[in-house]
């Protein structure tokens, strides 16, 4: 197990989450969807994408 690597992977996931949610929040228009649900979906997928990309890239 990589204890220090896990911290870096989690940090990359959080950074991806922040960027994804911020960009989505800024560009989401008031359409026929609920913005909260959209932001939750983007947050989950962004975190997992950043985390696992960092984890498997090494």
C-alpha atoms as a PDB file:
ATOM      1  CA  UNK A   1       0.000   0.000   0.000  1.00  0.00           C
ATOM      2  CA  UNK A   2       1.160   3.520  -0.685  1.00  0.00           C
ATOM      3  CA  UNK A   3       0.188   5.621   2.376  1.00  0.00           C
ATOM      4  CA  UNK A   4       1.649   8.874   1.057  1.00  0.00           C
ATOM      5  CA  UNK A   5       0.322   8.125  -2.417  1.00  0.00           C
ATOM      6  CA  UNK A   6      -3.196   7.799  -1.062  1.00  0.00           C
ATOM      7  CA  UNK A   7      -3.008  11.356   0.287  1.00  0.00           C
ATOM      8  CA  UNK A   8      -1.922  12.646  -3.112  1.00  0.00           C
ATOM      9  CA  UNK A   9      -4.627  10.645  -4.886  1.00  0.00           C
ATOM     10  CA  UNK A  10      -7.292  12.033  -2.548  1.00  0.00           C
ATOM     11  CA  UNK A  11      -5.971  15.564  -3.018  1.00  0.00           C
ATOM     12  CA  UNK A  12      -6.158  15.134  -6.810  1.00  0.00           C
ATOM     13  CA  UNK A  13      -9.732  13.900  -6.428  1.00  0.00           C
ATOM     14  CA  UNK A  14     -10.675  16.940  -4.342  1.00  0.00           C
ATOM     15  CA  UNK A  15      -9.017  19.306  -6.824  1.00  0.00           C
ATOM     16  CA  UNK A  16     -10.903  17.675  -9.703  1.00  0.00           C
ATOM     17  CA  UNK A  17     -14.115  17.912  -7.703  1.00  0.00           C
ATOM     18  CA  UNK A  18     -13.617  21.632  -7.086  1.00  0.00           C
ATOM     19  CA  UNK A  19     -12.818  22.419 -10.705  1.00  0.00           C
ATOM     20  CA  UNK A  20     -15.676  20.309 -12.060  1.00  0.00           C
ATOM     21  CA  UNK A  21     -18.293  21.749  -9.709  1.00  0.00           C
ATOM     22  CA  UNK A  22     -17.097  25.332 -10.216  1.00  0.00           C
ATOM     23  CA  UNK A  23     -17.154  25.128 -14.013  1.00  0.00           C
ATOM     24  CA  UNK A  24     -20.528  23.384 -14.011  1.00  0.00           C
ATOM     25  CA  UNK A  25     -22.026  25.903 -11.585  1.00  0.00           C
ATOM     26  CA  UNK A  26     -20.770  28.824 -13.659  1.00  0.00           C
ATOM     27  CA  UNK A  27     -22.012  27.434 -16.968  1.00  0.00           C
ATOM     28  CA  UNK A  28     -25.248  25.713 -15.913  1.00  0.00           C
ATOM     29  CA  UNK A  29     -28.259  27.519 -17.306  1.00  0.00           C
ATOM     30  CA  UNK A  30     -31.677  27.414 -15.741  1.00  0.00           C
ATOM     31  CA  UNK A  31     -33.159  24.739 -17.934  1.00  0.00           C
ATOM     32  CA  UNK A  32     -35.562  21.972 -17.179  1.00  0.00           C
ATOM     33  CA  UNK A  33     -33.152  20.200 -14.819  1.00  0.00           C
ATOM     34  CA  UNK A  34     -32.425  20.645 -11.126  1.00  0.00           C
ATOM     35  CA  UNK A  35     -29.025  22.314 -10.730  1.00  0.00           C
ATOM     36  CA  UNK A  36     -28.439  20.677  -7.325  1.00  0.00           C
ATOM     37  CA  UNK A  37     -28.805  17.183  -8.773  1.00  0.00           C
ATOM     38  CA  UNK A  38     -26.520  18.129 -11.633  1.00  0.00           C
ATOM     39  CA  UNK A  39     -23.826  19.456  -9.276  1.00  0.00           C
ATOM     40  CA  UNK A  40     -23.983  16.331  -7.096  1.00  0.00           C
ATOM     41  CA  UNK A  41     -23.543  14.093 -10.136  1.00  0.00           C
ATOM     42  CA  UNK A  42     -20.625  16.185 -11.398  1.00  0.00           C
ATOM     43  CA  UNK A  43     -19.018  16.216  -7.935  1.00  0.00           C
ATOM     44  CA  UNK A  44     -19.132  12.429  -7.616  1.00  0.00           C
ATOM     45  CA  UNK A  45     -17.845  11.745 -11.120  1.00  0.00           C
ATOM     46  CA  UNK A  46     -15.142  14.438 -10.913  1.00  0.00           C
ATOM     47  CA  UNK A  47     -13.791  13.146  -7.607  1.00  0.00           C
ATOM     48  CA  UNK A  48     -13.707   9.543  -8.755  1.00  0.00           C
ATOM     49  CA  UNK A  49     -12.113  10.512 -12.054  1.00  0.00           C
ATOM     50  CA  UNK A  50      -9.353  12.560 -10.394  1.00  0.00           C
ATOM     51  CA  UNK A  51      -8.738   9.964  -7.674  1.00  0.00           C
ATOM     52  CA  UNK A  52      -8.496   6.913  -9.894  1.00  0.00           C
ATOM     53  CA  UNK A  53      -6.566   8.670 -12.639  1.00  0.00           C
ATOM     54  CA  UNK A  54      -3.959   9.630 -10.060  1.00  0.00           C
ATOM     55  CA  UNK A  55      -4.033   6.187  -8.430  1.00  0.00           C
ATOM     56  CA  UNK A  56      -3.492   4.188 -11.617  1.00  0.00           C
ATOM     57  CA  UNK A  57      -1.132   6.653 -13.311  1.00  0.00           C
ATOM     58  CA  UNK A  58       1.796   5.530 -11.156  1.00  0.00           C
END
